[in-house]
Protein backbone atom coordinates (compact mmCIF):
# COMPACT_ATOMS: atom_id res chain seq x y z
CA MET A 1 -46.05 4.78 20.85
CA GLN A 2 -44.81 8.10 22.21
CA ARG A 3 -41.55 6.46 23.23
CA TYR A 4 -41.17 5.01 19.72
CA ASN A 5 -41.77 8.43 18.11
CA PHE A 6 -39.25 10.02 20.48
CA TYR A 7 -36.70 7.39 19.47
CA LEU A 8 -37.29 8.14 15.79
CA LEU A 9 -36.89 11.84 16.48
CA LEU A 10 -33.53 11.22 18.12
CA THR A 11 -32.22 8.84 15.49
CA GLN A 12 -33.34 10.71 12.36
CA PRO A 13 -30.44 13.21 12.52
CA LEU A 14 -28.05 10.29 12.98
CA VAL A 15 -29.50 8.57 9.92
CA VAL A 16 -29.08 11.77 7.91
CA VAL A 17 -25.50 12.12 9.09
CA LEU A 18 -24.73 8.51 8.22
CA LEU A 19 -26.25 8.87 4.77
CA CYS A 20 -24.25 12.05 4.21
CA PHE A 21 -21.10 10.29 5.37
CA VAL A 22 -21.72 7.36 3.02
CA GLY A 23 -22.35 9.79 0.19
CA PHE A 24 -19.18 11.69 1.06
CA GLN A 25 -17.15 8.50 1.04
CA GLN A 26 -18.44 7.65 -2.40
CA SER A 27 -17.69 11.12 -3.73
CA VAL A 28 -14.05 11.16 -2.65
CA VAL A 29 -12.98 7.90 -4.28
CA VAL A 30 -9.80 8.72 -6.17
CA GLN A 31 -10.54 8.97 -9.86
CA GLY A 32 -7.44 10.93 -10.87
CA ARG A 33 -7.63 14.10 -12.91
CA VAL A 34 -8.05 14.99 -16.54
CA LEU A 35 -4.81 14.54 -18.46
CA PHE A 36 -3.09 17.73 -19.55
CA THR A 37 -3.23 16.41 -23.09
CA ASN A 38 -4.92 13.44 -24.68
CA SER A 39 -2.79 13.44 -27.81
CA ILE A 40 -0.23 11.09 -26.27
CA THR A 41 -1.49 7.90 -24.65
CA LYS A 42 0.40 6.04 -21.97
CA PRO A 43 3.51 4.61 -23.68
CA ASP A 44 4.51 0.98 -23.90
CA PRO A 45 6.43 0.03 -20.71
CA ASN A 46 9.31 -1.22 -22.86
CA ASN A 47 9.95 2.33 -24.03
CA ALA A 48 11.66 3.71 -20.93
CA ALA A 49 12.34 7.19 -22.29
CA ALA A 50 8.76 7.63 -23.51
CA SER A 51 7.35 6.36 -20.22
CA ALA A 52 9.54 8.69 -18.17
CA ARG A 53 8.78 11.77 -20.24
CA TRP A 54 5.06 10.96 -20.28
CA LEU A 55 4.94 10.61 -16.51
CA VAL A 56 6.84 13.86 -15.91
CA GLY A 57 4.81 15.73 -18.52
CA GLN A 58 1.45 14.56 -17.15
CA SER A 59 2.33 15.23 -13.51
CA SER A 60 1.78 18.58 -11.83
CA TRP A 61 3.25 17.88 -8.41
CA GLY A 62 5.60 15.52 -6.63
CA VAL A 63 7.81 15.11 -3.58
CA LEU A 64 10.97 17.19 -3.80
CA ASN A 65 13.69 15.91 -1.51
CA THR A 66 16.57 18.02 -0.21
CA LEU A 67 19.16 17.59 2.55
CA SER A 68 18.36 19.48 5.72
CA THR A 69 20.78 21.82 7.42
CA ASP A 70 18.96 21.93 10.75
CA LEU A 71 17.96 18.26 11.10
CA GLY A 72 21.42 16.75 11.13
CA GLY A 73 21.52 16.44 7.35
CA SER A 74 18.47 14.19 7.21
CA PRO A 75 16.57 14.02 3.92
CA PHE A 76 13.58 16.36 3.83
CA GLY A 77 10.69 15.59 1.48
CA ASN A 78 8.23 18.32 0.57
CA VAL A 79 5.16 18.30 -1.70
CA VAL A 80 5.74 20.85 -4.47
CA SER A 81 4.14 21.90 -7.73
CA PHE A 82 6.23 21.86 -10.89
CA SER A 83 6.12 21.99 -14.67
CA ASP A 84 8.44 20.73 -17.38
CA GLY A 85 6.82 22.84 -20.10
CA LEU A 86 3.62 23.57 -21.97
CA PRO A 87 1.25 20.70 -22.85
CA ASP A 88 2.78 18.56 -25.61
CA LYS A 89 5.93 20.68 -25.42
CA GLY A 90 7.59 19.42 -22.26
CA THR A 91 11.36 19.48 -22.01
CA GLY A 92 11.64 16.86 -19.29
CA ILE A 93 13.34 19.41 -17.02
CA PRO A 94 11.29 20.11 -13.86
CA TYR A 95 10.89 23.79 -12.95
CA PHE A 96 9.69 24.97 -9.55
CA TYR A 97 8.41 28.21 -8.04
CA LEU A 98 9.86 28.32 -4.54
CA THR A 99 10.31 30.77 -1.69
CA THR A 100 13.05 30.77 0.91
CA LEU A 101 10.31 31.06 3.52
CA ASP A 102 10.01 27.33 2.90
CA PRO A 103 12.73 24.85 4.03
CA THR A 104 13.13 23.26 0.58
CA ALA A 105 14.56 26.40 -1.03
CA GLN A 106 16.62 27.18 2.06
CA TYR A 107 18.25 23.75 2.00
CA ALA A 108 18.85 23.79 -1.76
CA LEU A 109 20.71 27.09 -1.57
CA LYS A 110 23.14 25.48 0.87
CA ASP A 111 23.29 21.98 -0.63
CA GLN A 112 22.00 21.53 -4.16
CA ARG A 113 21.71 17.73 -4.01
CA SER A 114 18.04 16.93 -4.54
CA SER A 115 15.60 14.45 -6.02
CA LEU A 116 12.05 14.61 -7.31
CA THR A 117 9.77 11.60 -6.93
CA LEU A 118 6.56 11.18 -8.93
CA SER A 119 3.86 8.52 -9.09
CA GLU A 120 1.45 7.75 -11.90
CA PHE A 121 -1.33 7.18 -9.37
CA PRO A 122 -2.52 10.83 -9.06
CA ILE A 123 -2.91 11.01 -12.84
CA GLY A 124 -5.69 8.43 -12.61
CA THR A 125 -4.36 5.90 -15.12
CA CYS A 126 -3.51 3.20 -12.55
CA GLY A 127 -7.15 2.30 -11.99
CA LYS A 128 -7.56 0.30 -8.79
CA THR A 129 -3.93 -0.81 -8.81
CA ASP A 130 -2.02 0.00 -5.63
CA PRO A 131 0.52 2.84 -6.05
CA GLU A 132 3.34 0.50 -5.01
CA ASN A 133 2.49 -2.03 -7.72
CA PRO A 134 5.22 -1.92 -10.41
CA THR A 135 2.64 -1.44 -13.17
CA CYS A 136 1.71 1.91 -11.60
CA SER A 137 4.72 3.87 -12.81
CA LYS A 138 7.04 5.78 -10.52
CA ILE A 139 10.13 7.83 -11.18
CA THR A 140 12.82 9.57 -9.17
CA LEU A 141 14.94 12.22 -10.85
CA SER A 142 18.11 13.00 -8.90
CA GLY A 143 20.51 15.86 -9.39
CA LYS A 144 21.15 19.47 -8.38
CA LEU A 145 18.40 21.97 -7.54
CA VAL A 146 19.53 25.39 -8.77
CA VAL A 147 18.10 28.88 -9.17
CA VAL A 148 17.35 29.97 -12.74
CA ASP A 149 18.73 33.40 -13.63
CA GLU A 150 15.66 35.65 -13.54
CA LYS A 151 17.00 37.74 -16.44
CA SER A 152 17.55 34.76 -18.72
CA LYS A 153 15.36 33.56 -21.57
CA GLU A 154 15.05 30.25 -19.75
CA ALA A 155 13.40 32.02 -16.81
CA LYS A 156 10.68 33.42 -19.07
CA VAL A 157 10.06 30.02 -20.65
CA ALA A 158 9.98 28.35 -17.22
CA GLN A 159 7.61 30.95 -15.78
CA ASN A 160 5.23 30.52 -18.69
CA ALA A 161 5.33 26.74 -18.20
CA LEU A 162 4.67 27.06 -14.48
CA PHE A 163 1.91 29.65 -14.74
CA THR A 164 0.17 27.71 -17.52
CA LYS A 165 -0.01 24.53 -15.46
CA HIS A 166 -0.50 26.38 -12.15
CA PRO A 167 -2.42 29.64 -12.79
CA GLU A 168 -2.75 30.33 -9.06
CA MET A 169 0.99 31.01 -8.88
CA LYS A 170 0.45 34.34 -10.64
CA SER A 171 -1.26 35.71 -7.54
CA TRP A 172 1.19 34.45 -4.95
CA PRO A 173 2.56 37.31 -2.76
CA GLU A 174 5.49 39.22 -4.25
CA SER A 175 6.68 39.85 -0.71
CA HIS A 176 7.51 36.14 -0.44
CA ASN A 177 10.17 36.55 -3.12
CA PHE A 178 9.39 33.42 -5.11
CA GLN A 179 12.17 32.28 -7.42
CA ILE A 180 12.29 29.82 -10.28
CA PHE A 181 14.39 26.73 -9.59
CA LYS A 182 15.16 23.79 -11.83
CA LEU A 183 16.47 20.30 -11.27
CA ASN A 184 19.60 19.56 -13.26
CA ILE A 185 19.10 15.82 -13.66
CA GLU A 186 22.06 13.51 -13.10
CA SER A 187 20.38 10.12 -12.71
CA ILE A 188 16.98 8.51 -13.25
CA PHE A 189 15.22 5.71 -11.38
CA LEU A 190 12.17 4.43 -13.26
CA ILE A 191 9.85 1.54 -12.55
CA ASN A 192 6.90 1.10 -14.90
CA TYR A 193 6.45 -2.69 -14.96
CA PHE A 194 7.68 -5.90 -13.38
CA GLY A 195 11.36 -6.71 -13.65
CA GLY A 196 13.02 -3.93 -11.69
CA PRO A 197 14.20 -0.43 -12.68
CA LYS A 198 14.38 0.34 -16.39
CA PRO A 199 17.82 1.34 -17.70
CA LEU A 200 17.58 4.97 -18.81
CA THR A 201 20.34 7.54 -19.19
CA VAL A 202 19.80 11.26 -18.74
CA ASP A 203 20.79 11.79 -22.37
CA GLN A 204 18.17 9.32 -23.60
CA TYR A 205 15.57 10.95 -21.39
CA LEU A 206 16.25 14.54 -22.45
CA LYS A 207 16.62 13.80 -26.17
CA PHE A 208 13.39 11.84 -26.43
CA LYS A 209 10.87 13.45 -28.79
CA SER A 210 7.26 12.70 -27.97
CA ASN A 211 4.74 11.90 -30.69
CA LYS A 212 1.36 10.27 -31.04
CA SER A 213 2.92 6.92 -31.89
CA ALA A 214 4.93 6.78 -28.67
CA ALA A 215 2.62 4.12 -27.29
CA ASN A 216 3.40 1.82 -30.17
CA LEU A 217 7.19 1.93 -30.00
């Protein structure tokens, strides 16, 4: 009996740990995040421009790819925060708040060729669908990553867009000399359903005007 009690005493902490671990696993199941705006539902996949602008507008981060200068020119992907505008007022143009203490900004200042890749999965609207499934939208915007003139009106608009979506940026160290960059888009790769990439020009993408009926187009 004493041996049995001693065994229980030893195993009780393990049971508690296991229960905590199980509970932790359940709590970290990816559910996505609250959409920045609920006024525009996920567009019909046949509307490429609406789908692309929706995905960019609802995303808050992605993988920004530049060409390295110290890795033999190899592509370098980096997770970055971005914003294309205020909720419901996105422009489709991604703006970034970068420091040259980070390789991405360093590389872009020497070679502007860049691309931004986004997935619908983090938004939470893919359900249990795998991120690589074509019905879970993905987009790659390719072009030139350039610095926005800090004295321009565009810089003020971009900063407001960034700080609204990412309030923490306001408190980032001034000593790190953060600058506002933007991606001048030259080509778009979009997959939002079966059948391969959707044809979409930069002009169609930028001129698209979002509205509540976008999902029905």
